[in-house]
């Protein structure tokens, strides 16, 4: 049992966790992500988390303090991983228009590589906005609407004359909606060619917003 002097992060007093403790904590977070993806947040219990990890419930609490803290850590990990992957792709893009395409492509690529983490984020967005805010704050991000970052990229491309004038927020919402729709179709039917669908969504978007489809997308 944890004492009042033990910290959820380390489970020990006055020192950082050992390599083994850190690895176990990361394992529990990963297993919790899988459980949330399969069962949802409300049905992911402390008992299920402990069973998946092959430990007792007190052992889980040793690392996190409470069941809610485990859930928050799992959600923050999922969000942070996605934000990092998308940010890296966007920063590597050579032009604002290419950054718009990179945002969408990296989102889809992350979905393919980490479907459970995407399901966790979808669960947060649809069931617990407070958890979205807490997860964003946990990774050092300001809570913001889903469309905001992409709208900023679209606006940059418009200022540079790469995209035609239009409301950036509306354009971002439309592009995100189309991306979410093809991702949802892929989850329903894994044989659906998600990468080809991404190409088509971007082709249609740039056809609607530019006179010439940009080669770098």
C-alpha atoms as a PDB file:
ATOM      1  CA  UNK A   1       0.000   0.000   0.000  1.00  0.00           C
ATOM      2  CA  UNK A   2       1.245   3.511  -0.805  1.00  0.00           C
ATOM      3  CA  UNK A   3       2.066   5.736   2.142  1.00  0.00           C
ATOM      4  CA  UNK A   4       1.381   9.451   2.221  1.00  0.00           C
ATOM      5  CA  UNK A   5       5.057  10.059   1.459  1.00  0.00           C
ATOM      6  CA  UNK A   6       5.121   7.975  -1.714  1.00  0.00           C
ATOM      7  CA  UNK A   7       4.514   9.616  -5.056  1.00  0.00           C
ATOM      8  CA  UNK A   8       2.378   8.092  -7.810  1.00  0.00           C
ATOM      9  CA  UNK A   9       5.114   8.775 -10.368  1.00  0.00           C
ATOM     10  CA  UNK A  10       7.825   6.844  -8.628  1.00  0.00           C
ATOM     11  CA  UNK A  11       6.145   4.887  -5.877  1.00  0.00           C
ATOM     12  CA  UNK A  12       9.158   5.720  -3.711  1.00  0.00           C
ATOM     13  CA  UNK A  13      10.164   8.529  -1.413  1.00  0.00           C
ATOM     14  CA  UNK A  14      12.738  11.055  -2.531  1.00  0.00           C
ATOM     15  CA  UNK A  15      14.108   9.381  -5.655  1.00  0.00           C
ATOM     16  CA  UNK A  16      13.390   8.825  -9.309  1.00  0.00           C
ATOM     17  CA  UNK A  17      11.951   5.479 -10.393  1.00  0.00           C
ATOM     18  CA  UNK A  18      14.351   2.717 -11.361  1.00  0.00           C
ATOM     19  CA  UNK A  19      14.547   1.484 -14.952  1.00  0.00           C
ATOM     20  CA  UNK A  20      12.349  -1.480 -14.033  1.00  0.00           C
ATOM     21  CA  UNK A  21       9.783   0.738 -12.332  1.00  0.00           C
ATOM     22  CA  UNK A  22       9.690   3.134 -15.280  1.00  0.00           C
ATOM     23  CA  UNK A  23       9.289   0.223 -17.707  1.00  0.00           C
ATOM     24  CA  UNK A  24       6.451  -1.237 -15.651  1.00  0.00           C
ATOM     25  CA  UNK A  25       4.725   2.156 -15.541  1.00  0.00           C
ATOM     26  CA  UNK A  26       4.971   2.509 -19.320  1.00  0.00           C
ATOM     27  CA  UNK A  27       3.658  -1.029 -19.725  1.00  0.00           C
ATOM     28  CA  UNK A  28       0.614  -0.223 -17.603  1.00  0.00           C
ATOM     29  CA  UNK A  29      -0.029   2.925 -19.636  1.00  0.00           C
ATOM     30  CA  UNK A  30       0.149   0.956 -22.895  1.00  0.00           C
ATOM     31  CA  UNK A  31      -2.194  -1.732 -21.622  1.00  0.00           C
ATOM     32  CA  UNK A  32      -4.623   0.905 -20.373  1.00  0.00           C
ATOM     33  CA  UNK A  33      -4.649   2.501 -23.829  1.00  0.00           C
ATOM     34  CA  UNK A  34      -5.573  -0.871 -25.342  1.00  0.00           C
ATOM     35  CA  UNK A  35      -8.340  -1.384 -22.778  1.00  0.00           C
ATOM     36  CA  UNK A  36      -9.830   2.074 -23.363  1.00  0.00           C
ATOM     37  CA  UNK A  37      -9.708   1.496 -27.123  1.00  0.00           C
ATOM     38  CA  UNK A  38     -11.565  -1.790 -26.703  1.00  0.00           C
ATOM     39  CA  UNK A  39     -13.986  -0.998 -23.882  1.00  0.00           C
ATOM     40  CA  UNK A  40     -14.177   2.781 -23.509  1.00  0.00           C
ATOM     41  CA  UNK A  41     -13.149   4.906 -20.551  1.00  0.00           C
ATOM     42  CA  UNK A  42     -16.136   4.161 -18.331  1.00  0.00           C
ATOM     43  CA  UNK A  43     -15.716   0.387 -18.618  1.00  0.00           C
ATOM     44  CA  UNK A  44     -11.957   0.368 -18.091  1.00  0.00           C
ATOM     45  CA  UNK A  45     -11.700  -0.579 -14.432  1.00  0.00           C
ATOM     46  CA  UNK A  46      -8.739  -0.782 -12.097  1.00  0.00           C
ATOM     47  CA  UNK A  47      -9.282  -4.536 -11.856  1.00  0.00           C
ATOM     48  CA  UNK A  48      -9.059  -4.928 -15.643  1.00  0.00           C
ATOM     49  CA  UNK A  49      -5.909  -2.807 -15.797  1.00  0.00           C
ATOM     50  CA  UNK A  50      -4.271  -4.888 -13.069  1.00  0.00           C
ATOM     51  CA  UNK A  51      -5.331  -8.140 -14.725  1.00  0.00           C
ATOM     52  CA  UNK A  52      -3.935  -7.050 -18.102  1.00  0.00           C
ATOM     53  CA  UNK A  53      -0.630  -6.088 -16.483  1.00  0.00           C
ATOM     54  CA  UNK A  54      -0.477  -9.297 -14.455  1.00  0.00           C
ATOM     55  CA  UNK A  55      -0.231  -7.416 -11.162  1.00  0.00           C
ATOM     56  CA  UNK A  56      -2.478  -6.618  -8.211  1.00  0.00           C
ATOM     57  CA  UNK A  57      -4.602  -3.482  -7.949  1.00  0.00           C
ATOM     58  CA  UNK A  58      -2.351  -2.095  -5.167  1.00  0.00           C
ATOM     59  CA  UNK A  59       0.610  -2.563  -7.515  1.00  0.00           C
ATOM     60  CA  UNK A  60      -1.068  -0.336 -10.108  1.00  0.00           C
ATOM     61  CA  UNK A  61      -1.871   2.251  -7.455  1.00  0.00           C
ATOM     62  CA  UNK A  62       1.772   2.132  -6.341  1.00  0.00           C
ATOM     63  CA  UNK A  63       2.716   3.805  -9.625  1.00  0.00           C
ATOM     64  CA  UNK A  64      -0.280   6.081 -10.214  1.00  0.00           C
ATOM     65  CA  UNK A  65      -2.074   6.679  -6.925  1.00  0.00           C
ATOM     66  CA  UNK A  66      -5.616   6.391  -8.308  1.00  0.00           C
ATOM     67  CA  UNK A  67      -7.462   4.733 -11.172  1.00  0.00           C
ATOM     68  CA  UNK A  68      -8.270   8.173 -12.608  1.00  0.00           C
ATOM     69  CA  UNK A  69      -4.552   8.964 -12.675  1.00  0.00           C
ATOM     70  CA  UNK A  70      -3.904   5.836 -14.768  1.00  0.00           C
ATOM     71  CA  UNK A  71      -6.604   6.872 -17.234  1.00  0.00           C
ATOM     72  CA  UNK A  72      -5.248  10.421 -17.434  1.00  0.00           C
ATOM     73  CA  UNK A  73      -1.702   9.136 -18.006  1.00  0.00           C
ATOM     74  CA  UNK A  74      -2.902   6.862 -20.807  1.00  0.00           C
ATOM     75  CA  UNK A  75      -4.890   9.637 -22.488  1.00  0.00           C
ATOM     76  CA  UNK A  76      -2.030  12.122 -22.180  1.00  0.00           C
ATOM     77  CA  UNK A  77       0.372   9.583 -23.692  1.00  0.00           C
ATOM     78  CA  UNK A  78      -1.932   8.961 -26.658  1.00  0.00           C
ATOM     79  CA  UNK A  79      -2.446  12.679 -27.277  1.00  0.00           C
ATOM     80  CA  UNK A  80       1.220  13.526 -26.839  1.00  0.00           C
ATOM     81  CA  UNK A  81       2.360  10.845 -29.264  1.00  0.00           C
ATOM     82  CA  UNK A  82      -0.029  12.069 -31.948  1.00  0.00           C
ATOM     83  CA  UNK A  83       0.846  15.737 -31.447  1.00  0.00           C
ATOM     84  CA  UNK A  84       4.564  14.975 -31.721  1.00  0.00           C
ATOM     85  CA  UNK A  85       4.200  12.899 -34.891  1.00  0.00           C
ATOM     86  CA  UNK A  86       2.041  15.489 -36.634  1.00  0.00           C
ATOM     87  CA  UNK A  87       4.228  18.411 -35.531  1.00  0.00           C
ATOM     88  CA  UNK A  88       7.363  16.748 -36.891  1.00  0.00           C
ATOM     89  CA  UNK A  89       5.708  16.140 -40.260  1.00  0.00           C
ATOM     90  CA  UNK A  90       4.377  19.693 -40.485  1.00  0.00           C
ATOM     91  CA  UNK A  91       7.724  21.266 -39.537  1.00  0.00           C
ATOM     92  CA  UNK A  92       9.495  19.229 -42.222  1.00  0.00           C
ATOM     93  CA  UNK A  93       7.147  20.474 -44.958  1.00  0.00           C
ATOM     94  CA  UNK A  94       8.820  22.887 -47.428  1.00  0.00           C
ATOM     95  CA  UNK A  95       5.811  25.174 -48.002  1.00  0.00           C
ATOM     96  CA  UNK A  96       2.590  26.130 -46.180  1.00  0.00           C
ATOM     97  CA  UNK A  97       0.521  24.150 -48.679  1.00  0.00           C
ATOM     98  CA  UNK A  98       2.740  21.114 -48.187  1.00  0.00           C
ATOM     99  CA  UNK A  99       2.291  21.579 -44.435  1.00  0.00           C
ATOM    100  CA  UNK A 100      -1.487  21.298 -44.852  1.00  0.00           C
ATOM    101  CA  UNK A 101      -1.030  18.033 -46.724  1.00  0.00           C
ATOM    102  CA  UNK A 102       1.535  16.840 -44.178  1.00  0.00           C
ATOM    103  CA  UNK A 103      -0.910  17.468 -41.355  1.00  0.00           C
ATOM    104  CA  UNK A 104      -3.493  15.220 -42.971  1.00  0.00           C
ATOM    105  CA  UNK A 105      -1.067  12.538 -44.143  1.00  0.00           C
ATOM    106  CA  UNK A 106       0.693  12.303 -40.777  1.00  0.00           C
ATOM    107  CA  UNK A 107      -2.668  12.037 -39.011  1.00  0.00           C
ATOM    108  CA  UNK A 108      -3.604   9.124 -41.237  1.00  0.00           C
ATOM    109  CA  UNK A 109      -0.181   7.503 -40.888  1.00  0.00           C
ATOM    110  CA  UNK A 110      -0.375   7.763 -37.096  1.00  0.00           C
ATOM    111  CA  UNK A 111      -3.829   6.169 -37.243  1.00  0.00           C
ATOM    112  CA  UNK A 112      -2.492   3.228 -39.235  1.00  0.00           C
ATOM    113  CA  UNK A 113       0.465   2.744 -36.912  1.00  0.00           C
ATOM    114  CA  UNK A 114      -1.329   3.430 -33.614  1.00  0.00           C
ATOM    115  CA  UNK A 115      -5.048   2.695 -34.002  1.00  0.00           C
ATOM    116  CA  UNK A 116      -5.604   2.177 -30.275  1.00  0.00           C
ATOM    117  CA  UNK A 117      -4.257   5.627 -29.468  1.00  0.00           C
ATOM    118  CA  UNK A 118      -6.575   7.198 -32.048  1.00  0.00           C
ATOM    119  CA  UNK A 119      -9.517   5.360 -30.482  1.00  0.00           C
ATOM    120  CA  UNK A 120      -8.514   6.716 -27.072  1.00  0.00           C
ATOM    121  CA  UNK A 121      -8.484  10.273 -28.406  1.00  0.00           C
ATOM    122  CA  UNK A 122     -11.840   9.748 -30.103  1.00  0.00           C
ATOM    123  CA  UNK A 123     -13.234   8.430 -26.810  1.00  0.00           C
ATOM    124  CA  UNK A 124     -11.955  11.538 -25.008  1.00  0.00           C
ATOM    125  CA  UNK A 125     -13.418  13.922 -27.572  1.00  0.00           C
ATOM    126  CA  UNK A 126     -16.833  12.283 -27.520  1.00  0.00           C
ATOM    127  CA  UNK A 127     -17.210  11.499 -23.820  1.00  0.00           C
ATOM    128  CA  UNK A 128     -15.031  13.671 -21.598  1.00  0.00           C
ATOM    129  CA  UNK A 129     -13.982  17.187 -22.602  1.00  0.00           C
ATOM    130  CA  UNK A 130     -12.456  17.777 -19.179  1.00  0.00           C
ATOM    131  CA  UNK A 131     -10.125  14.852 -19.812  1.00  0.00           C
ATOM    132  CA  UNK A 132      -9.153  16.385 -23.169  1.00  0.00           C
ATOM    133  CA  UNK A 133      -8.210  19.602 -21.362  1.00  0.00           C
ATOM    134  CA  UNK A 134      -6.280  17.763 -18.653  1.00  0.00           C
ATOM    135  CA  UNK A 135      -4.419  15.644 -21.207  1.00  0.00           C
ATOM    136  CA  UNK A 136      -3.437  18.705 -23.233  1.00  0.00           C
ATOM    137  CA  UNK A 137      -2.176  20.455 -20.122  1.00  0.00           C
ATOM    138  CA  UNK A 138      -0.256  17.325 -19.068  1.00  0.00           C
ATOM    139  CA  UNK A 139       1.806  17.438 -22.284  1.00  0.00           C
ATOM    140  CA  UNK A 140       2.321  21.204 -22.107  1.00  0.00           C
ATOM    141  CA  UNK A 141      -0.217  22.137 -24.786  1.00  0.00           C
ATOM    142  CA  UNK A 142      -2.901  24.795 -24.556  1.00  0.00           C
ATOM    143  CA  UNK A 143      -6.361  23.216 -24.951  1.00  0.00           C
ATOM    144  CA  UNK A 144      -7.715  24.241 -28.357  1.00  0.00           C
ATOM    145  CA  UNK A 145     -10.449  23.237 -30.815  1.00  0.00           C
ATOM    146  CA  UNK A 146      -9.484  20.380 -33.128  1.00  0.00           C
ATOM    147  CA  UNK A 147      -9.629  22.589 -36.204  1.00  0.00           C
ATOM    148  CA  UNK A 148      -7.401  25.392 -34.906  1.00  0.00           C
ATOM    149  CA  UNK A 149      -3.934  24.136 -35.847  1.00  0.00           C
ATOM    150  CA  UNK A 150      -4.970  23.137 -39.366  1.00  0.00           C
ATOM    151  CA  UNK A 151      -6.810  26.426 -39.860  1.00  0.00           C
ATOM    152  CA  UNK A 152      -3.577  28.232 -39.009  1.00  0.00           C
ATOM    153  CA  UNK A 153      -1.705  26.281 -41.691  1.00  0.00           C
ATOM    154  CA  UNK A 154      -4.418  26.990 -44.249  1.00  0.00           C
ATOM    155  CA  UNK A 155      -4.320  30.690 -43.391  1.00  0.00           C
ATOM    156  CA  UNK A 156      -0.534  30.767 -43.884  1.00  0.00           C
ATOM    157  CA  UNK A 157      -0.941  29.169 -47.312  1.00  0.00           C
ATOM    158  CA  UNK A 158      -3.598  31.745 -48.190  1.00  0.00           C
ATOM    159  CA  UNK A 159      -1.358  34.647 -47.159  1.00  0.00           C
ATOM    160  CA  UNK A 160       1.380  33.264 -49.383  1.00  0.00           C
ATOM    161  CA  UNK A 161      -0.990  33.061 -52.342  1.00  0.00           C
ATOM    162  CA  UNK A 162      -0.830  29.252 -52.445  1.00  0.00           C
ATOM    163  CA  UNK A 163      -4.503  28.789 -51.562  1.00  0.00           C
ATOM    164  CA  UNK A 164      -7.449  30.894 -52.629  1.00  0.00           C
ATOM    165  CA  UNK A 165      -9.275  33.091 -50.083  1.00  0.00           C
ATOM    166  CA  UNK A 166     -11.799  31.241 -47.923  1.00  0.00           C
ATOM    167  CA  UNK A 167     -12.664  31.051 -44.258  1.00  0.00           C
ATOM    168  CA  UNK A 168      -9.764  29.015 -42.770  1.00  0.00           C
ATOM    169  CA  UNK A 169     -11.880  27.634 -39.958  1.00  0.00           C
ATOM    170  CA  UNK A 170     -14.537  26.332 -42.334  1.00  0.00           C
ATOM    171  CA  UNK A 171     -11.897  24.870 -44.662  1.00  0.00           C
ATOM    172  CA  UNK A 172     -10.153  23.145 -41.751  1.00  0.00           C
ATOM    173  CA  UNK A 173     -13.404  21.730 -40.369  1.00  0.00           C
ATOM    174  CA  UNK A 174     -14.277  20.368 -43.800  1.00  0.00           C
ATOM    175  CA  UNK A 175     -10.866  18.762 -44.328  1.00  0.00           C
ATOM    176  CA  UNK A 176     -10.813  17.268 -40.821  1.00  0.00           C
ATOM    177  CA  UNK A 177     -14.352  15.974 -41.308  1.00  0.00           C
ATOM    178  CA  UNK A 178     -13.405  14.257 -44.554  1.00  0.00           C
ATOM    179  CA  UNK A 179     -10.298  12.770 -42.937  1.00  0.00           C
ATOM    180  CA  UNK A 180     -12.274  11.514 -39.936  1.00  0.00           C
ATOM    181  CA  UNK A 181     -14.823   9.959 -42.298  1.00  0.00           C
ATOM    182  CA  UNK A 182     -12.267   7.895 -44.215  1.00  0.00           C
ATOM    183  CA  UNK A 183     -10.553   6.882 -40.981  1.00  0.00           C
ATOM    184  CA  UNK A 184     -13.914   5.732 -39.637  1.00  0.00           C
ATOM    185  CA  UNK A 185     -14.495   3.723 -42.811  1.00  0.00           C
ATOM    186  CA  UNK A 186     -11.085   2.073 -42.386  1.00  0.00           C
ATOM    187  CA  UNK A 187     -11.884   1.112 -38.809  1.00  0.00           C
ATOM    188  CA  UNK A 188     -15.162  -0.419 -40.023  1.00  0.00           C
ATOM    189  CA  UNK A 189     -13.560  -2.115 -43.026  1.00  0.00           C
ATOM    190  CA  UNK A 190      -9.788  -2.734 -42.736  1.00  0.00           C
ATOM    191  CA  UNK A 191      -9.660  -3.648 -46.435  1.00  0.00           C
ATOM    192  CA  UNK A 192     -10.501  -0.027 -47.287  1.00  0.00           C
ATOM    193  CA  UNK A 193      -7.420   1.606 -48.824  1.00  0.00           C
ATOM    194  CA  UNK A 194      -6.923   4.457 -46.366  1.00  0.00           C
ATOM    195  CA  UNK A 195      -3.798   5.869 -48.010  1.00  0.00           C
ATOM    196  CA  UNK A 196      -5.475   6.001 -51.425  1.00  0.00           C
ATOM    197  CA  UNK A 197      -8.508   7.632 -49.834  1.00  0.00           C
ATOM    198  CA  UNK A 198      -6.218  10.217 -48.222  1.00  0.00           C
ATOM    199  CA  UNK A 199      -4.759  11.031 -51.636  1.00  0.00           C
ATOM    200  CA  UNK A 200      -8.267  11.525 -52.989  1.00  0.00           C
ATOM    201  CA  UNK A 201      -9.388  13.732 -50.095  1.00  0.00           C
ATOM    202  CA  UNK A 202      -6.355  15.980 -50.560  1.00  0.00           C
ATOM    203  CA  UNK A 203      -6.807  16.061 -54.336  1.00  0.00           C
ATOM    204  CA  UNK A 204     -10.395  17.218 -53.918  1.00  0.00           C
ATOM    205  CA  UNK A 205      -9.462  19.753 -51.241  1.00  0.00           C
ATOM    206  CA  UNK A 206      -6.702  21.356 -53.296  1.00  0.00           C
ATOM    207  CA  UNK A 207      -8.812  21.286 -56.457  1.00  0.00           C
ATOM    208  CA  UNK A 208     -11.406  23.321 -54.569  1.00  0.00           C
ATOM    209  CA  UNK A 209      -8.924  25.761 -53.045  1.00  0.00           C
ATOM    210  CA  UNK A 210      -6.291  26.255 -55.760  1.00  0.00           C
ATOM    211  CA  UNK A 211      -6.252  26.877 -59.469  1.00  0.00           C
ATOM    212  CA  UNK A 212      -3.540  24.256 -59.956  1.00  0.00           C
ATOM    213  CA  UNK A 213      -3.096  21.166 -57.812  1.00  0.00           C
ATOM    214  CA  UNK A 214       0.293  21.692 -56.075  1.00  0.00           C
ATOM    215  CA  UNK A 215       2.896  19.083 -56.905  1.00  0.00           C
ATOM    216  CA  UNK A 216       4.367  18.930 -53.377  1.00  0.00           C
ATOM    217  CA  UNK A 217       1.176  17.499 -51.867  1.00  0.00           C
END
